[in-house]
Amino acid sequence: MTERRTFRSVAVPMAIWKPLQKIAKANNRSPAQQIAYLVDIAKDVPTDKQILQRYAAVLEKGAR
C-alpha cells in the first residue's frame, strides 16, 4: 500500500483538465506526470511579473 504522504490529490477545473489531458497524451504522460513535469520546470522560473518583463524585452528587441 502507498504511504499516505507520498501523493496528494489536486482538483482542476474541467476547462483545464481537457487541455491537460491532450498535452499529457501528446507527451506520453499521465495528467499527474504532466503536472509534475510542468511544476518541475516552473520551480526555476522567476515570478510572473519577471517573466512578462523578460518577454516584453525580447519582443522589443525583435521589433528593432
C-alpha atoms as a PDB file:
ATOM      1  CA  MET A   1       0.000   0.000   0.000  1.00  0.00           C
ATOM      2  CA  THR A   2       1.191   3.507  -0.812  1.00  0.00           C
ATOM      3  CA  GLU A   3       2.207   5.628   2.121  1.00  0.00           C
ATOM      4  CA  ARG A   4      -0.256   8.465   2.721  1.00  0.00           C
ATOM      5  CA  ARG A   5       2.406  11.162   2.500  1.00  0.00           C
ATOM      6  CA  THR A   6       3.583  10.119  -0.967  1.00  0.00           C
ATOM      7  CA  PHE A   7       0.711  11.573  -3.027  1.00  0.00           C
ATOM      8  CA  ARG A   8      -1.898  14.321  -2.787  1.00  0.00           C
ATOM      9  CA  SER A   9      -4.990  14.899  -4.874  1.00  0.00           C
ATOM     10  CA  VAL A  10      -5.429  18.086  -6.836  1.00  0.00           C
ATOM     11  CA  ALA A  11      -8.688  19.375  -8.262  1.00  0.00           C
ATOM     12  CA  VAL A  12      -8.562  21.294 -11.522  1.00  0.00           C
ATOM     13  CA  PRO A  13     -11.478  22.867 -13.382  1.00  0.00           C
ATOM     14  CA  MET A  14     -12.739  20.880 -16.371  1.00  0.00           C
ATOM     15  CA  ALA A  15     -11.679  23.784 -18.597  1.00  0.00           C
ATOM     16  CA  ILE A  16      -8.096  22.977 -17.521  1.00  0.00           C
ATOM     17  CA  TRP A  17      -8.473  19.199 -17.337  1.00  0.00           C
ATOM     18  CA  LYS A  18      -9.326  18.740 -21.007  1.00  0.00           C
ATOM     19  CA  PRO A  19      -6.266  20.604 -22.375  1.00  0.00           C
ATOM     20  CA  LEU A  20      -4.117  18.939 -19.692  1.00  0.00           C
ATOM     21  CA  GLN A  21      -5.187  15.520 -20.958  1.00  0.00           C
ATOM     22  CA  LYS A  22      -4.334  16.485 -24.545  1.00  0.00           C
ATOM     23  CA  ILE A  23      -0.909  17.815 -23.554  1.00  0.00           C
ATOM     24  CA  ALA A  24      -0.197  14.749 -21.433  1.00  0.00           C
ATOM     25  CA  LYS A  25      -1.278  12.362 -24.192  1.00  0.00           C
ATOM     26  CA  ALA A  26       0.909  14.158 -26.750  1.00  0.00           C
ATOM     27  CA  ASN A  27       3.871  13.645 -24.403  1.00  0.00           C
ATOM     28  CA  ASN A  28       3.018  10.054 -23.433  1.00  0.00           C
ATOM     29  CA  ARG A  29       2.388  11.063 -19.828  1.00  0.00           C
ATOM     30  CA  SER A  30      -0.473  10.736 -17.405  1.00  0.00           C
ATOM     31  CA  PRO A  31      -2.109  14.002 -16.304  1.00  0.00           C
ATOM     32  CA  ALA A  32      -0.349  13.628 -12.948  1.00  0.00           C
ATOM     33  CA  GLN A  33       3.032  13.153 -14.640  1.00  0.00           C
ATOM     34  CA  GLN A  34       2.364  16.174 -16.859  1.00  0.00           C
ATOM     35  CA  ILE A  35       1.547  18.357 -13.852  1.00  0.00           C
ATOM     36  CA  ALA A  36       4.727  17.131 -12.134  1.00  0.00           C
ATOM     37  CA  TYR A  37       6.747  17.981 -15.255  1.00  0.00           C
ATOM     38  CA  LEU A  38       5.268  21.476 -15.513  1.00  0.00           C
ATOM     39  CA  VAL A  39       5.854  22.166 -11.833  1.00  0.00           C
ATOM     40  CA  ASP A  40       9.437  20.946 -12.137  1.00  0.00           C
ATOM     41  CA  ILE A  41      10.035  23.447 -14.935  1.00  0.00           C
ATOM     42  CA  ALA A  42       8.173  26.276 -13.178  1.00  0.00           C
ATOM     43  CA  LYS A  43      10.120  25.995  -9.923  1.00  0.00           C
ATOM     44  CA  ASP A  44      13.200  27.503 -11.579  1.00  0.00           C
ATOM     45  CA  VAL A  45      11.281  30.247 -13.359  1.00  0.00           C
ATOM     46  CA  PRO A  46      11.079  33.721 -11.856  1.00  0.00           C
ATOM     47  CA  THR A  47       7.814  35.342 -10.837  1.00  0.00           C
ATOM     48  CA  ASP A  48       5.050  36.002 -13.370  1.00  0.00           C
ATOM     49  CA  LYS A  49       5.908  39.700 -13.365  1.00  0.00           C
ATOM     50  CA  GLN A  50       9.559  38.977 -14.166  1.00  0.00           C
ATOM     51  CA  ILE A  51       8.581  36.578 -16.956  1.00  0.00           C
ATOM     52  CA  LEU A  52       6.336  39.212 -18.536  1.00  0.00           C
ATOM     53  CA  GLN A  53       9.094  41.817 -18.300  1.00  0.00           C
ATOM     54  CA  ARG A  54      11.596  39.478 -19.967  1.00  0.00           C
ATOM     55  CA  TYR A  55       9.095  38.551 -22.667  1.00  0.00           C
ATOM     56  CA  ALA A  56       8.391  42.227 -23.343  1.00  0.00           C
ATOM     57  CA  ALA A  57      12.132  42.907 -23.635  1.00  0.00           C
ATOM     58  CA  VAL A  58      12.525  40.068 -26.148  1.00  0.00           C
ATOM     59  CA  LEU A  59       9.614  41.376 -28.215  1.00  0.00           C
ATOM     60  CA  GLU A  60      11.063  44.876 -28.100  1.00  0.00           C
ATOM     61  CA  LYS A  61      14.450  43.619 -29.377  1.00  0.00           C
ATOM     62  CA  GLY A  62      12.690  41.741 -32.171  1.00  0.00           C
ATOM     63  CA  ALA A  63      10.841  44.886 -33.245  1.00  0.00           C
ATOM     64  CA  ARG A  64      14.101  46.784 -33.784  1.00  0.00           C
END
